[in-house]
Amino acid sequence: MGTLTVNQNKLQKRLRRLAGEAVADFNMIEEGDKVMVCLSGGKDSYTLLDVLLHLQKVAPIKFEIVAVNMDQKQPGFPEHVLPAYLNELGVEYHIVEKDTYSVVKELIPEGKTTCSLCSRLRRGTLYTFADEIGATKMALGHHRDDIVETFFLNMFFNGSLKAMPPKLRADDGRNVVIRPLAYCNEKDIQAYSDFKQFPIIPCNLCGSQENLQRQVVKDMLQEWERKTPGRTESIFRSLQNVIPSQLADRNLFDFASLKIDETAASRFVNVVNL
């Protein structure tokens, strides 16, 4: 690729800066870490790898990067694309072969979305592989918009206030998941992917329906953003500014013990003398 345009250079710097800030804010990567970058072949994971490779060069600490792709044996999966790309980069990589496609097709009725089960099977396989290669961190390509969408999905359909944390210790206790693109928006990532001309692998090779609930939420947020630019960023900031006493979760705040503070100064105002 030749010289970047002014706008391309600004975009690249912005993504690198935001990823660096997220890594620093949440202490995502430490000295001596072995970071397993999960590479799906989509725009997000390509951008993640690209940004982390730059960070590896300029960071004041030393850490390893190993790219990992999971071949789930979906019909038509272009097996040559990622190895060719990663060989050209000179990045250490592994292709994990696991036929979860057949398992999902057997368990999920025709016409139903397979995304949820497929994701769980993929996650379990990658957790196991991370442990096998001694990876201390598992990097995923979720961005700010993914996090906000997940927040609304959980609120609308699961009755819970939770999203995707930028850093998470898995339930097995043996894996730490990091999301260095947590501060980056999808529009920037798409633009970056376009000008970098990453060899994108389609995400619908399995023939599954779209995750309709997520698409509804995505459309809603895009419409809000169109009408009120900056709203998605404001919602994301709210996830960093939680006030338990203003919610209704008794596990987070002791509402039962709230009583009048007899030592507090009186706020009584004598309106007669005003």
Protein backbone atom coordinates (compact mmCIF):
# COMPACT_ATOMS: atom_id res chain seq x y z
CA MET A 1 0.00 0.00 0.00
CA GLY A 2 1.27 3.45 -0.92
CA THR A 3 1.26 6.69 1.03
CA LEU A 4 -1.85 7.28 3.10
CA THR A 5 -4.13 10.22 2.40
CA VAL A 6 -4.57 12.83 5.13
CA ASN A 7 -7.92 11.32 6.15
CA GLN A 8 -6.58 7.77 6.11
CA ASN A 9 -3.64 8.82 8.28
CA LYS A 10 -5.99 10.52 10.76
CA LEU A 11 -8.20 7.44 10.87
CA GLN A 12 -5.26 5.12 11.48
CA LYS A 13 -3.90 7.35 14.24
CA ARG A 14 -7.34 7.59 15.86
CA LEU A 15 -7.86 3.83 15.95
CA ARG A 16 -4.36 3.24 17.29
CA ARG A 17 -4.77 5.93 19.94
CA LEU A 18 -8.17 4.68 21.12
CA ALA A 19 -6.98 1.08 21.25
CA GLY A 20 -3.90 2.16 23.19
CA GLU A 21 -6.07 4.08 25.65
CA ALA A 22 -8.34 1.08 26.19
CA VAL A 23 -5.37 -1.22 26.73
CA ALA A 24 -3.90 1.20 29.28
CA ASP A 25 -7.18 2.04 31.05
CA PHE A 26 -8.03 -1.61 31.71
CA ASN A 27 -4.46 -2.95 32.00
CA MET A 28 -5.27 -5.36 29.18
CA ILE A 29 -1.70 -6.29 28.25
CA GLU A 30 1.22 -6.67 30.65
CA GLU A 31 4.92 -7.41 30.41
CA GLY A 32 5.54 -10.91 29.10
CA ASP A 33 1.95 -11.59 28.02
CA LYS A 34 1.21 -14.00 25.21
CA VAL A 35 -1.78 -12.48 23.44
CA MET A 36 -3.90 -14.83 21.35
CA VAL A 37 -5.67 -12.72 18.72
CA CYS A 38 -8.83 -14.46 17.55
CA LEU A 39 -9.03 -13.89 13.81
CA SER A 40 -12.32 -14.64 12.07
CA GLY A 41 -11.54 -13.02 8.74
CA GLY A 42 -13.95 -10.14 9.33
CA LYS A 43 -13.17 -6.42 9.38
CA ASP A 44 -13.08 -6.20 13.18
CA SER A 45 -10.56 -8.96 13.81
CA TYR A 46 -8.29 -7.84 10.95
CA THR A 47 -8.30 -4.31 12.40
CA LEU A 48 -7.61 -5.71 15.86
CA LEU A 49 -4.55 -7.63 14.67
CA ASP A 50 -3.29 -4.66 12.67
CA VAL A 51 -3.58 -2.30 15.63
CA LEU A 52 -2.02 -4.72 18.11
CA LEU A 53 0.95 -5.38 15.83
CA HIS A 54 1.60 -1.63 15.79
CA LEU A 55 1.16 -1.42 19.56
CA GLN A 56 3.65 -4.25 19.98
CA LYS A 57 6.26 -2.17 18.14
CA VAL A 58 5.79 1.04 20.14
CA ALA A 59 4.75 -0.19 23.60
CA PRO A 60 7.23 0.16 26.48
CA ILE A 61 6.61 -3.48 27.39
CA LYS A 62 7.36 -6.73 25.57
CA PHE A 63 4.56 -9.14 24.69
CA GLU A 64 3.94 -11.88 22.14
CA ILE A 65 1.18 -12.02 19.54
CA VAL A 66 -0.15 -15.22 18.03
CA ALA A 67 -3.10 -15.20 15.63
CA VAL A 68 -5.63 -18.02 15.83
CA ASN A 69 -8.44 -18.85 13.44
CA MET A 70 -11.02 -21.55 13.99
CA ASP A 71 -12.05 -23.50 10.90
CA GLN A 72 -15.55 -24.71 11.79
CA LYS A 73 -15.88 -26.69 8.54
CA GLN A 74 -18.54 -24.45 7.06
CA PRO A 75 -19.22 -25.24 3.39
CA GLY A 76 -17.28 -22.94 1.11
CA PHE A 77 -14.88 -21.66 3.77
CA PRO A 78 -11.82 -20.33 1.90
CA GLU A 79 -9.08 -22.14 3.82
CA HIS A 80 -6.24 -20.46 1.93
CA VAL A 81 -7.13 -16.82 2.68
CA LEU A 82 -5.93 -16.39 6.27
CA PRO A 83 -2.74 -18.48 5.99
CA ALA A 84 -1.71 -16.50 2.90
CA TYR A 85 -2.38 -13.18 4.66
CA LEU A 86 -0.63 -14.16 7.89
CA ASN A 87 2.36 -15.68 6.10
CA GLU A 88 2.81 -12.40 4.25
CA LEU A 89 2.71 -10.51 7.55
CA GLY A 90 5.15 -12.93 9.14
CA VAL A 91 2.86 -13.45 12.12
CA GLU A 92 2.83 -16.67 14.11
CA TYR A 93 -0.55 -18.32 13.67
CA HIS A 94 -2.57 -21.48 14.19
CA ILE A 95 -5.64 -22.79 12.38
CA VAL A 96 -7.80 -24.79 14.79
CA GLU A 97 -10.00 -27.28 12.95
CA LYS A 98 -13.22 -28.23 14.72
CA ASP A 99 -16.39 -29.32 12.94
CA THR A 100 -18.89 -27.35 15.01
CA TYR A 101 -20.92 -26.70 11.85
CA SER A 102 -22.24 -30.29 11.78
CA VAL A 103 -23.01 -30.20 15.51
CA VAL A 104 -25.00 -26.99 15.19
CA LYS A 105 -26.91 -28.19 12.13
CA GLU A 106 -27.84 -31.37 13.96
CA LEU A 107 -29.09 -29.60 17.09
CA ILE A 108 -30.78 -26.46 15.70
CA PRO A 109 -34.04 -26.83 13.72
CA GLU A 110 -34.03 -25.62 10.12
CA GLY A 111 -34.88 -21.93 9.86
CA LYS A 112 -33.75 -21.06 13.40
CA THR A 113 -30.68 -18.91 14.00
CA THR A 114 -27.60 -20.93 14.87
CA CYS A 115 -25.49 -17.98 16.05
CA SER A 116 -25.85 -18.48 19.80
CA LEU A 117 -24.90 -22.17 19.91
CA CYS A 118 -22.19 -21.70 17.29
CA SER A 119 -20.68 -18.90 19.37
CA ARG A 120 -20.66 -21.00 22.55
CA LEU A 121 -18.99 -23.94 20.83
CA ARG A 122 -16.40 -21.68 19.23
CA ARG A 123 -15.68 -19.92 22.51
CA GLY A 124 -15.18 -23.21 24.37
CA THR A 125 -12.80 -24.51 21.70
CA LEU A 126 -10.76 -21.30 21.72
CA TYR A 127 -10.57 -21.23 25.53
CA THR A 128 -9.17 -24.75 25.49
CA PHE A 129 -6.67 -23.92 22.76
CA ALA A 130 -5.52 -20.75 24.55
CA ASP A 131 -4.73 -22.89 27.58
CA GLU A 132 -2.85 -25.41 25.42
CA ILE A 133 -0.52 -22.81 23.89
CA GLY A 134 -0.01 -20.91 27.14
CA ALA A 135 -1.78 -17.73 26.04
CA THR A 136 -2.27 -15.34 28.94
CA LYS A 137 -4.76 -13.08 27.15
CA MET A 138 -7.37 -13.74 24.48
CA ALA A 139 -8.04 -10.68 22.30
CA LEU A 140 -11.43 -10.31 20.60
CA GLY A 141 -12.45 -7.73 18.01
CA HIS A 142 -15.61 -6.37 19.62
CA HIS A 143 -15.90 -2.59 19.33
CA ARG A 144 -17.87 0.15 21.06
CA ASP A 145 -21.01 -0.39 18.96
CA ASP A 146 -21.01 -4.13 19.76
CA ILE A 147 -20.80 -3.32 23.46
CA VAL A 148 -23.69 -0.85 23.35
CA GLU A 149 -25.82 -3.20 21.23
CA THR A 150 -25.23 -6.01 23.73
CA PHE A 151 -26.24 -3.69 26.57
CA PHE A 152 -29.63 -3.06 24.96
CA LEU A 153 -30.09 -6.71 23.95
CA ASN A 154 -29.65 -7.78 27.56
CA MET A 155 -31.94 -5.04 28.82
CA PHE A 156 -34.70 -5.66 26.26
CA PHE A 157 -34.65 -9.46 26.09
CA ASN A 158 -32.94 -10.74 29.25
CA GLY A 159 -34.01 -8.21 31.86
CA SER A 160 -30.44 -7.48 32.94
CA LEU A 161 -28.09 -4.50 32.86
CA LYS A 162 -24.92 -5.94 31.38
CA ALA A 163 -22.87 -5.53 28.24
CA MET A 164 -19.45 -6.77 27.10
CA PRO A 165 -16.70 -5.68 29.49
CA PRO A 166 -13.43 -4.50 27.92
CA LYS A 167 -11.66 -7.07 30.10
CA LEU A 168 -13.13 -10.27 31.49
CA ARG A 169 -11.96 -13.32 33.36
CA ALA A 170 -13.78 -16.30 31.87
CA ASP A 171 -15.95 -18.54 34.02
CA ASP A 172 -13.29 -21.25 33.89
CA GLY A 173 -10.90 -18.87 35.65
CA ARG A 174 -8.10 -19.84 33.26
CA ASN A 175 -8.67 -17.31 30.49
CA VAL A 176 -8.68 -13.51 30.44
CA VAL A 177 -10.54 -11.97 27.51
CA ILE A 178 -9.62 -8.48 26.33
CA ARG A 179 -11.33 -6.18 23.83
CA PRO A 180 -8.78 -3.55 22.76
CA LEU A 181 -11.22 -1.98 20.24
CA ALA A 182 -13.72 -1.16 23.01
CA TYR A 183 -13.32 2.60 22.45
CA CYS A 184 -13.45 2.37 18.63
CA ASN A 185 -16.63 2.79 16.61
CA GLU A 186 -17.77 0.48 13.83
CA LYS A 187 -17.87 3.21 11.20
CA ASP A 188 -14.15 3.91 11.64
CA ILE A 189 -13.31 0.21 11.58
CA GLN A 190 -15.28 -0.29 8.36
CA ALA A 191 -13.52 2.66 6.74
CA TYR A 192 -10.13 1.35 7.90
CA SER A 193 -10.87 -2.12 6.57
CA ASP A 194 -11.92 -0.66 3.22
CA PHE A 195 -8.75 1.32 2.62
CA LYS A 196 -6.47 -1.42 3.99
CA GLN A 197 -8.23 -3.88 1.67
CA PHE A 198 -8.22 -6.74 4.14
CA PRO A 199 -9.13 -10.11 2.51
CA ILE A 200 -12.56 -10.35 4.12
CA ILE A 201 -14.17 -13.76 4.61
CA PRO A 202 -18.01 -13.59 4.55
CA CYS A 203 -19.65 -14.27 7.90
CA ASN A 204 -22.75 -15.99 6.47
CA LEU A 205 -21.13 -19.10 5.02
CA CYS A 206 -23.18 -21.22 7.42
CA GLY A 207 -26.41 -20.03 5.80
CA SER A 208 -27.82 -18.96 9.17
CA GLN A 209 -30.45 -16.27 9.44
CA GLU A 210 -29.34 -12.90 10.68
CA ASN A 211 -29.50 -12.46 14.42
CA LEU A 212 -32.76 -10.52 14.11
CA GLN A 213 -32.80 -9.16 17.65
CA ARG A 214 -29.31 -7.71 17.30
CA GLN A 215 -30.16 -6.25 13.91
CA VAL A 216 -33.23 -4.51 15.36
CA VAL A 217 -31.08 -2.97 18.10
CA LYS A 218 -28.38 -2.00 15.60
CA ASP A 219 -30.96 -0.26 13.39
CA MET A 220 -32.41 1.53 16.41
CA LEU A 221 -29.00 2.85 17.48
CA GLN A 222 -28.12 3.94 13.95
CA GLU A 223 -31.38 5.87 13.73
CA TRP A 224 -30.70 7.52 17.08
CA GLU A 225 -27.19 8.40 15.95
CA ARG A 226 -28.54 9.88 12.73
CA LYS A 227 -30.99 12.09 14.62
CA THR A 228 -28.65 12.92 17.51
CA PRO A 229 -24.97 12.45 16.64
CA GLY A 230 -22.92 11.38 19.64
CA ARG A 231 -25.69 9.45 21.37
CA THR A 232 -23.95 6.07 21.07
CA GLU A 233 -20.80 7.52 22.63
CA SER A 234 -22.89 8.97 25.47
CA ILE A 235 -24.53 5.60 26.11
CA PHE A 236 -21.10 3.95 26.19
CA ARG A 237 -19.86 6.54 28.70
CA SER A 238 -22.83 5.70 30.93
CA LEU A 239 -21.43 2.16 31.23
CA GLN A 240 -18.35 3.75 32.82
CA ASN A 241 -20.40 5.88 35.21
CA VAL A 242 -22.71 3.50 37.08
CA ILE A 243 -24.42 4.79 40.25
CA PRO A 244 -25.85 1.75 42.12
CA SER A 245 -27.86 3.87 44.59
CA GLN A 246 -29.90 5.23 41.67
CA LEU A 247 -30.88 1.79 40.37
CA ALA A 248 -32.90 -0.96 42.06
CA ASP A 249 -30.50 -3.88 42.54
CA ARG A 250 -30.45 -4.82 46.23
CA ASN A 251 -27.30 -6.87 45.68
CA LEU A 252 -25.40 -3.76 44.63
CA PHE A 253 -26.77 -1.30 47.17
CA ASP A 254 -28.13 -1.75 50.70
CA PHE A 255 -31.48 -0.02 50.32
CA ALA A 256 -32.93 -1.86 53.34
CA SER A 257 -30.56 -0.11 55.75
CA LEU A 258 -31.26 3.42 54.53
CA LYS A 259 -32.43 5.64 57.39
CA ILE A 260 -32.51 9.31 58.24
CA ASP A 261 -29.09 10.66 59.21
CA GLU A 262 -29.76 12.36 62.54
CA THR A 263 -26.40 14.16 62.35
CA ALA A 264 -27.08 15.77 58.98
CA ALA A 265 -27.56 19.53 58.88
CA SER A 266 -31.17 20.65 58.52
CA ARG A 267 -32.28 21.72 55.06
CA PHE A 268 -35.54 23.22 56.39
CA VAL A 269 -36.38 26.56 54.83
CA ASN A 270 -38.76 28.94 56.63
CA VAL A 271 -40.83 30.07 53.68
CA VAL A 272 -42.75 32.53 55.86
CA ASN A 273 -39.67 34.73 56.28
CA LEU A 274 -38.63 34.68 52.62
